[in-house]
């Protein structure tokens, strides 16, 4: 089972970012506990995104995905 954010803005960004018109939205993280799974962008897909579940030693970015969701 996978969870996605499916809103018009997020779907538009995902389609553009991945160059795929069949994408419904952006995938959410499925690993971790209740504070992580289903509430952050998937780490494997948006690694440097500030809203992924991992803490990085590099500067994270606020991606178009998060801006589209806001």
PDB file of N, CA and C in Angstrom:
ATOM      1  N   UNK A   1       0.843  -1.172   0.000  1.00  0.00           N
ATOM      2  CA  UNK A   1       0.000   0.000   0.000  1.00  0.00           C
ATOM      3  C   UNK A   1       0.893   1.241   0.000  1.00  0.00           C
ATOM      4  N   UNK A   2       0.526   2.219  -0.791  1.00  0.00           N
ATOM      5  CA  UNK A   2       1.242   3.501  -0.867  1.00  0.00           C
ATOM      6  C   UNK A   2       0.237   4.617  -0.624  1.00  0.00           C
ATOM      7  N   UNK A   3       0.693   5.697  -0.018  1.00  0.00           N
ATOM      8  CA  UNK A   3      -0.139   6.875   0.200  1.00  0.00           C
ATOM      9  C   UNK A   3       0.416   8.018  -0.627  1.00  0.00           C
ATOM     10  N   UNK A   4      -0.498   8.858  -1.117  1.00  0.00           N
ATOM     11  CA  UNK A   4      -0.124   9.990  -1.966  1.00  0.00           C
ATOM     12  C   UNK A   4      -0.865  11.235  -1.524  1.00  0.00           C
ATOM     13  N   UNK A   5      -0.269  12.376  -1.783  1.00  0.00           N
ATOM     14  CA  UNK A   5      -0.990  13.651  -1.739  1.00  0.00           C
ATOM     15  C   UNK A   5      -1.480  13.886  -3.156  1.00  0.00           C
ATOM     16  N   UNK A   6      -2.792  13.962  -3.306  1.00  0.00           N
ATOM     17  CA  UNK A   6      -3.386  14.152  -4.630  1.00  0.00           C
ATOM     18  C   UNK A   6      -4.232  15.421  -4.587  1.00  0.00           C
ATOM     19  N   UNK A   7      -3.597  16.519  -4.918  1.00  0.00           N
ATOM     20  CA  UNK A   7      -4.303  17.790  -5.067  1.00  0.00           C
ATOM     21  C   UNK A   7      -3.950  18.306  -6.461  1.00  0.00           C
ATOM     22  N   UNK A   8      -4.734  19.207  -7.009  1.00  0.00           N
ATOM     23  CA  UNK A   8      -4.407  19.709  -8.348  1.00  0.00           C
ATOM     24  C   UNK A   8      -2.997  20.298  -8.443  1.00  0.00           C
ATOM     25  N   UNK A   9      -2.581  21.092  -7.454  1.00  0.00           N
ATOM     26  CA  UNK A   9      -1.258  21.719  -7.511  1.00  0.00           C
ATOM     27  C   UNK A   9      -0.133  20.695  -7.375  1.00  0.00           C
ATOM     28  N   UNK A  10      -0.256  19.781  -6.415  1.00  0.00           N
ATOM     29  CA  UNK A  10       0.791  18.769  -6.229  1.00  0.00           C
ATOM     30  C   UNK A  10       0.857  17.847  -7.439  1.00  0.00           C
ATOM     31  N   UNK A  11      -0.285  17.454  -7.987  1.00  0.00           N
ATOM     32  CA  UNK A  11      -0.299  16.592  -9.176  1.00  0.00           C
ATOM     33  C   UNK A  11       0.383  17.287 -10.355  1.00  0.00           C
ATOM     34  N   UNK A  12       0.130  18.571 -10.520  1.00  0.00           N
ATOM     35  CA  UNK A  12       0.759  19.331 -11.622  1.00  0.00           C
ATOM     36  C   UNK A  12       2.280  19.352 -11.463  1.00  0.00           C
ATOM     37  N   UNK A  13       2.761  19.597 -10.245  1.00  0.00           N
ATOM     38  CA  UNK A  13       4.198  19.622  -9.991  1.00  0.00           C
ATOM     39  C   UNK A  13       4.802  18.243 -10.225  1.00  0.00           C
ATOM     40  N   UNK A  14       4.150  17.189  -9.753  1.00  0.00           N
ATOM     41  CA  UNK A  14       4.657  15.824  -9.931  1.00  0.00           C
ATOM     42  C   UNK A  14       4.734  15.458 -11.411  1.00  0.00           C
ATOM     43  N   UNK A  15       3.714  15.789 -12.166  1.00  0.00           N
ATOM     44  CA  UNK A  15       3.710  15.487 -13.599  1.00  0.00           C
ATOM     45  C   UNK A  15       4.844  16.201 -14.316  1.00  0.00           C
ATOM     46  N   UNK A  16       5.076  17.448 -13.951  1.00  0.00           N
ATOM     47  CA  UNK A  16       6.169  18.210 -14.558  1.00  0.00           C
ATOM     48  C   UNK A  16       7.521  17.683 -14.102  1.00  0.00           C
ATOM     49  N   UNK A  17       7.683  17.478 -12.810  1.00  0.00           N
ATOM     50  CA  UNK A  17       8.965  17.039 -12.242  1.00  0.00           C
ATOM     51  C   UNK A  17       9.407  15.693 -12.808  1.00  0.00           C
ATOM     52  N   UNK A  18       8.488  14.746 -12.893  1.00  0.00           N
ATOM     53  CA  UNK A  18       8.818  13.400 -13.363  1.00  0.00           C
ATOM     54  C   UNK A  18       8.545  13.201 -14.850  1.00  0.00           C
ATOM     55  N   UNK A  19       8.068  14.249 -15.517  1.00  0.00           N
ATOM     56  CA  UNK A  19       7.756  14.195 -16.950  1.00  0.00           C
ATOM     57  C   UNK A  19       6.856  13.002 -17.266  1.00  0.00           C
ATOM     58  N   UNK A  20       5.761  12.903 -16.513  1.00  0.00           N
ATOM     59  CA  UNK A  20       4.833  11.784 -16.667  1.00  0.00           C
ATOM     60  C   UNK A  20       3.412  12.274 -16.408  1.00  0.00           C
ATOM     61  N   UNK A  21       2.566  12.184 -17.405  1.00  0.00           N
ATOM     62  CA  UNK A  21       1.188  12.652 -17.267  1.00  0.00           C
ATOM     63  C   UNK A  21       0.283  11.694 -16.506  1.00  0.00           C
ATOM     64  N   UNK A  22       0.763  10.480 -16.209  1.00  0.00           N
ATOM     65  CA  UNK A  22      -0.068   9.496 -15.519  1.00  0.00           C
ATOM     66  C   UNK A  22       0.046   9.563 -13.995  1.00  0.00           C
ATOM     67  N   UNK A  23       0.982  10.349 -13.483  1.00  0.00           N
ATOM     68  CA  UNK A  23       1.168  10.453 -12.035  1.00  0.00           C
ATOM     69  C   UNK A  23      -0.040  11.147 -11.419  1.00  0.00           C
ATOM     70  N   UNK A  24      -0.538  10.579 -10.320  1.00  0.00           N
ATOM     71  CA  UNK A  24      -1.705  11.147  -9.649  1.00  0.00           C
ATOM     72  C   UNK A  24      -1.350  12.223  -8.638  1.00  0.00           C
ATOM     73  N   UNK A  25      -0.154  12.124  -8.057  1.00  0.00           N
ATOM     74  CA  UNK A  25       0.252  13.068  -7.025  1.00  0.00           C
ATOM     75  C   UNK A  25       1.650  12.729  -6.548  1.00  0.00           C
ATOM     76  N   UNK A  26       1.978  13.117  -5.310  1.00  0.00           N
ATOM     77  CA  UNK A  26       3.308  12.885  -4.754  1.00  0.00           C
ATOM     78  C   UNK A  26       3.220  11.836  -3.642  1.00  0.00           C
ATOM     79  N   UNK A  27       4.163  10.924  -3.662  1.00  0.00           N
ATOM     80  CA  UNK A  27       4.163   9.794  -2.738  1.00  0.00           C
ATOM     81  C   UNK A  27       4.629  10.197  -1.344  1.00  0.00           C
ATOM     82  N   UNK A  28       3.977   9.625  -0.329  1.00  0.00           N
ATOM     83  CA  UNK A  28       4.340   9.871   1.053  1.00  0.00           C
ATOM     84  C   UNK A  28       5.176   8.721   1.615  1.00  0.00           C
ATOM     85  N   UNK A  29       5.933   9.028   2.643  1.00  0.00           N
ATOM     86  CA  UNK A  29       6.780   8.044   3.314  1.00  0.00           C
ATOM     87  C   UNK A  29       5.918   6.971   3.982  1.00  0.00           C
ATOM     88  N   UNK A  30       6.336   5.723   3.849  1.00  0.00           N
ATOM     89  CA  UNK A  30       5.597   4.611   4.456  1.00  0.00           C
ATOM     90  C   UNK A  30       6.364   3.964   5.601  1.00  0.00           C
ATOM     91  N   UNK A  31       7.600   4.385   5.832  1.00  0.00           N
ATOM     92  CA  UNK A  31       8.434   3.826   6.896  1.00  0.00           C
ATOM     93  C   UNK A  31       8.300   4.675   8.151  1.00  0.00           C
ATOM     94  N   UNK A  32       8.683   4.099   9.282  1.00  0.00           N
ATOM     95  CA  UNK A  32       8.733   4.853  10.529  1.00  0.00           C
ATOM     96  C   UNK A  32       7.443   4.768  11.312  1.00  0.00           C
ATOM     97  N   UNK A  33       7.407   5.521  12.383  1.00  0.00           N
ATOM     98  CA  UNK A  33       6.259   5.504  13.279  1.00  0.00           C
ATOM     99  C   UNK A  33       5.151   6.428  12.840  1.00  0.00           C
ATOM    100  N   UNK A  34       4.225   6.663  13.766  1.00  0.00           N
ATOM    101  CA  UNK A  34       3.035   7.446  13.444  1.00  0.00           C
ATOM    102  C   UNK A  34       3.352   8.915  13.129  1.00  0.00           C
ATOM    103  N   UNK A  35       4.496   9.413  13.583  1.00  0.00           N
ATOM    104  CA  UNK A  35       4.871  10.784  13.275  1.00  0.00           C
ATOM    105  C   UNK A  35       5.590  10.934  11.954  1.00  0.00           C
ATOM    106  N   UNK A  36       5.898   9.811  11.314  1.00  0.00           N
ATOM    107  CA  UNK A  36       6.655   9.819  10.065  1.00  0.00           C
ATOM    108  C   UNK A  36       5.846   9.253   8.910  1.00  0.00           C
ATOM    109  N   UNK A  37       5.392   8.028   9.059  1.00  0.00           N
ATOM    110  CA  UNK A  37       4.668   7.342   7.980  1.00  0.00           C
ATOM    111  C   UNK A  37       3.381   8.089   7.644  1.00  0.00           C
ATOM    112  N   UNK A  38       3.241   8.409   6.373  1.00  0.00           N
ATOM    113  CA  UNK A  38       2.036   9.080   5.907  1.00  0.00           C
ATOM    114  C   UNK A  38       1.989  10.568   6.161  1.00  0.00           C
ATOM    115  N   UNK A  39       3.069  11.138   6.724  1.00  0.00           N
ATOM    116  CA  UNK A  39       3.036  12.567   7.008  1.00  0.00           C
ATOM    117  C   UNK A  39       4.253  13.329   6.481  1.00  0.00           C
ATOM    118  N   UNK A  40       5.077  12.661   5.692  1.00  0.00           N
ATOM    119  CA  UNK A  40       6.254  13.283   5.082  1.00  0.00           C
ATOM    120  C   UNK A  40       6.368  12.802   3.646  1.00  0.00           C
ATOM    121  N   UNK A  41       7.025  13.617   2.808  1.00  0.00           N
ATOM    122  CA  UNK A  41       7.307  13.159   1.446  1.00  0.00           C
ATOM    123  C   UNK A  41       8.213  11.934   1.519  1.00  0.00           C
ATOM    124  N   UNK A  42       8.096  11.043   0.545  1.00  0.00           N
ATOM    125  CA  UNK A  42       8.915   9.834   0.516  1.00  0.00           C
ATOM    126  C   UNK A  42      10.389  10.207   0.403  1.00  0.00           C
ATOM    127  N   UNK A  43      11.174   9.732   1.335  1.00  0.00           N
ATOM    128  CA  UNK A  43      12.601  10.045   1.392  1.00  0.00           C
ATOM    129  C   UNK A  43      13.346   9.563   0.155  1.00  0.00           C
ATOM    130  N   UNK A  44      12.960   8.435  -0.393  1.00  0.00           N
ATOM    131  CA  UNK A  44      13.654   7.890  -1.569  1.00  0.00           C
ATOM    132  C   UNK A  44      13.433   8.749  -2.809  1.00  0.00           C
ATOM    133  N   UNK A  45      12.360   9.497  -2.835  1.00  0.00           N
ATOM    134  CA  UNK A  45      12.030  10.293  -4.012  1.00  0.00           C
ATOM    135  C   UNK A  45      12.480  11.748  -3.860  1.00  0.00           C
ATOM    136  N   UNK A  46      12.255  12.327  -2.706  1.00  0.00           N
ATOM    137  CA  UNK A  46      12.593  13.739  -2.465  1.00  0.00           C
ATOM    138  C   UNK A  46      13.594  13.817  -1.326  1.00  0.00           C
ATOM    139  N   UNK A  47      14.813  13.362  -1.562  1.00  0.00           N
ATOM    140  CA  UNK A  47      15.820  13.194  -0.523  1.00  0.00           C
ATOM    141  C   UNK A  47      16.216  14.485   0.184  1.00  0.00           C
ATOM    142  N   UNK A  48      16.400  15.564  -0.535  1.00  0.00           N
ATOM    143  CA  UNK A  48      16.863  16.806   0.084  1.00  0.00           C
ATOM    144  C   UNK A  48      15.725  17.727   0.516  1.00  0.00           C
ATOM    145  N   UNK A  49      14.509  17.287   0.339  1.00  0.00           N
ATOM    146  CA  UNK A  49      13.332  18.068   0.724  1.00  0.00           C
ATOM    147  C   UNK A  49      13.255  18.192   2.248  1.00  0.00           C
ATOM    148  N   UNK A  50      12.958  19.387   2.723  1.00  0.00           N
ATOM    149  CA  UNK A  50      12.887  19.622   4.164  1.00  0.00           C
ATOM    150  C   UNK A  50      11.760  18.818   4.823  1.00  0.00           C
ATOM    151  N   UNK A  51      10.731  18.460   4.064  1.00  0.00           N
ATOM    152  CA  UNK A  51       9.614  17.700   4.628  1.00  0.00           C
ATOM    153  C   UNK A  51       9.729  16.195   4.375  1.00  0.00           C
ATOM    154  N   UNK A  52      10.963  15.687   4.233  1.00  0.00           N
ATOM    155  CA  UNK A  52      11.118  14.235   4.248  1.00  0.00           C
ATOM    156  C   UNK A  52      11.476  13.842   5.672  1.00  0.00           C
ATOM    157  N   UNK A  53      11.400  12.581   6.045  1.00  0.00           N
ATOM    158  CA  UNK A  53      11.515  12.201   7.443  1.00  0.00           C
ATOM    159  C   UNK A  53      12.923  12.172   8.013  1.00  0.00           C
ATOM    160  N   UNK A  54      13.945  12.343   7.221  1.00  0.00           N
ATOM    161  CA  UNK A  54      15.310  12.216   7.724  1.00  0.00           C
ATOM    162  C   UNK A  54      15.955  13.564   8.004  1.00  0.00           C
ATOM    163  N   UNK A  55      16.793  13.587   9.017  1.00  0.00           N
ATOM    164  CA  UNK A  55      17.586  14.769   9.334  1.00  0.00           C
ATOM    165  C   UNK A  55      18.877  14.664   8.540  1.00  0.00           C
ATOM    166  N   UNK A  56      19.231  15.735   7.855  1.00  0.00           N
ATOM    167  CA  UNK A  56      20.411  15.732   7.004  1.00  0.00           C
ATOM    168  C   UNK A  56      21.473  16.657   7.573  1.00  0.00           C
ATOM    169  N   UNK A  57      22.697  16.389   7.217  1.00  0.00           N
ATOM    170  CA  UNK A  57      23.785  17.278   7.596  1.00  0.00           C
ATOM    171  C   UNK A  57      24.024  18.347   6.538  1.00  0.00           C
ATOM    172  N   UNK A  58      23.290  18.266   5.447  1.00  0.00           N
ATOM    173  CA  UNK A  58      23.383  19.274   4.395  1.00  0.00           C
ATOM    174  C   UNK A  58      22.149  20.170   4.481  1.00  0.00           C
ATOM    175  N   UNK A  59      22.193  21.269   3.799  1.00  0.00           N
ATOM    176  CA  UNK A  59      21.043  22.173   3.804  1.00  0.00           C
ATOM    177  C   UNK A  59      19.885  21.560   3.030  1.00  0.00           C
ATOM    178  N   UNK A  60      18.760  21.439   3.691  1.00  0.00           N
ATOM    179  CA  UNK A  60      17.554  20.953   3.028  1.00  0.00           C
ATOM    180  C   UNK A  60      16.927  22.085   2.231  1.00  0.00           C
ATOM    181  N   UNK A  61      16.066  21.720   1.309  1.00  0.00           N
ATOM    182  CA  UNK A  61      15.382  22.707   0.488  1.00  0.00           C
ATOM    183  C   UNK A  61      13.873  22.553   0.648  1.00  0.00           C
ATOM    184  N   UNK A  62      13.183  23.646   0.447  1.00  0.00           N
ATOM    185  CA  UNK A  62      11.718  23.590   0.351  1.00  0.00           C
ATOM    186  C   UNK A  62      11.418  23.468  -1.128  1.00  0.00           C
ATOM    187  N   UNK A  63      10.923  22.316  -1.509  1.00  0.00           N
ATOM    188  CA  UNK A  63      10.725  22.033  -2.927  1.00  0.00           C
ATOM    189  C   UNK A  63       9.397  22.594  -3.428  1.00  0.00           C
ATOM    190  N   UNK A  64       9.243  22.506  -4.736  1.00  0.00           N
ATOM    191  CA  UNK A  64       7.974  22.903  -5.354  1.00  0.00           C
ATOM    192  C   UNK A  64       6.830  22.031  -4.858  1.00  0.00           C
ATOM    193  N   UNK A  65       7.123  20.797  -4.438  1.00  0.00           N
ATOM    194  CA  UNK A  65       6.087  19.916  -3.912  1.00  0.00           C
ATOM    195  C   UNK A  65       5.479  20.498  -2.639  1.00  0.00           C
ATOM    196  N   UNK A  66       6.335  20.934  -1.711  1.00  0.00           N
ATOM    197  CA  UNK A  66       5.835  21.526  -0.459  1.00  0.00           C
ATOM    198  C   UNK A  66       5.143  22.843  -0.732  1.00  0.00           C
ATOM    199  N   UNK A  67       5.716  23.657  -1.595  1.00  0.00           N
ATOM    200  CA  UNK A  67       5.057  24.929  -1.932  1.00  0.00           C
ATOM    201  C   UNK A  67       3.709  24.702  -2.582  1.00  0.00           C
ATOM    202  N   UNK A  68       3.602  23.676  -3.427  1.00  0.00           N
ATOM    203  CA  UNK A  68       2.319  23.370  -4.071  1.00  0.00           C
ATOM    204  C   UNK A  68       1.294  22.900  -3.046  1.00  0.00           C
ATOM    205  N   UNK A  69       1.742  22.166  -2.036  1.00  0.00           N
ATOM    206  CA  UNK A  69       0.826  21.693  -1.010  1.00  0.00           C
ATOM    207  C   UNK A  69       0.326  22.843  -0.134  1.00  0.00           C
ATOM    208  N   UNK A  70       1.204  23.808   0.123  1.00  0.00           N
ATOM    209  CA  UNK A  70       0.794  24.951   0.945  1.00  0.00           C
ATOM    210  C   UNK A  70      -0.219  25.809   0.213  1.00  0.00           C
TER     211      UNK A  70
END
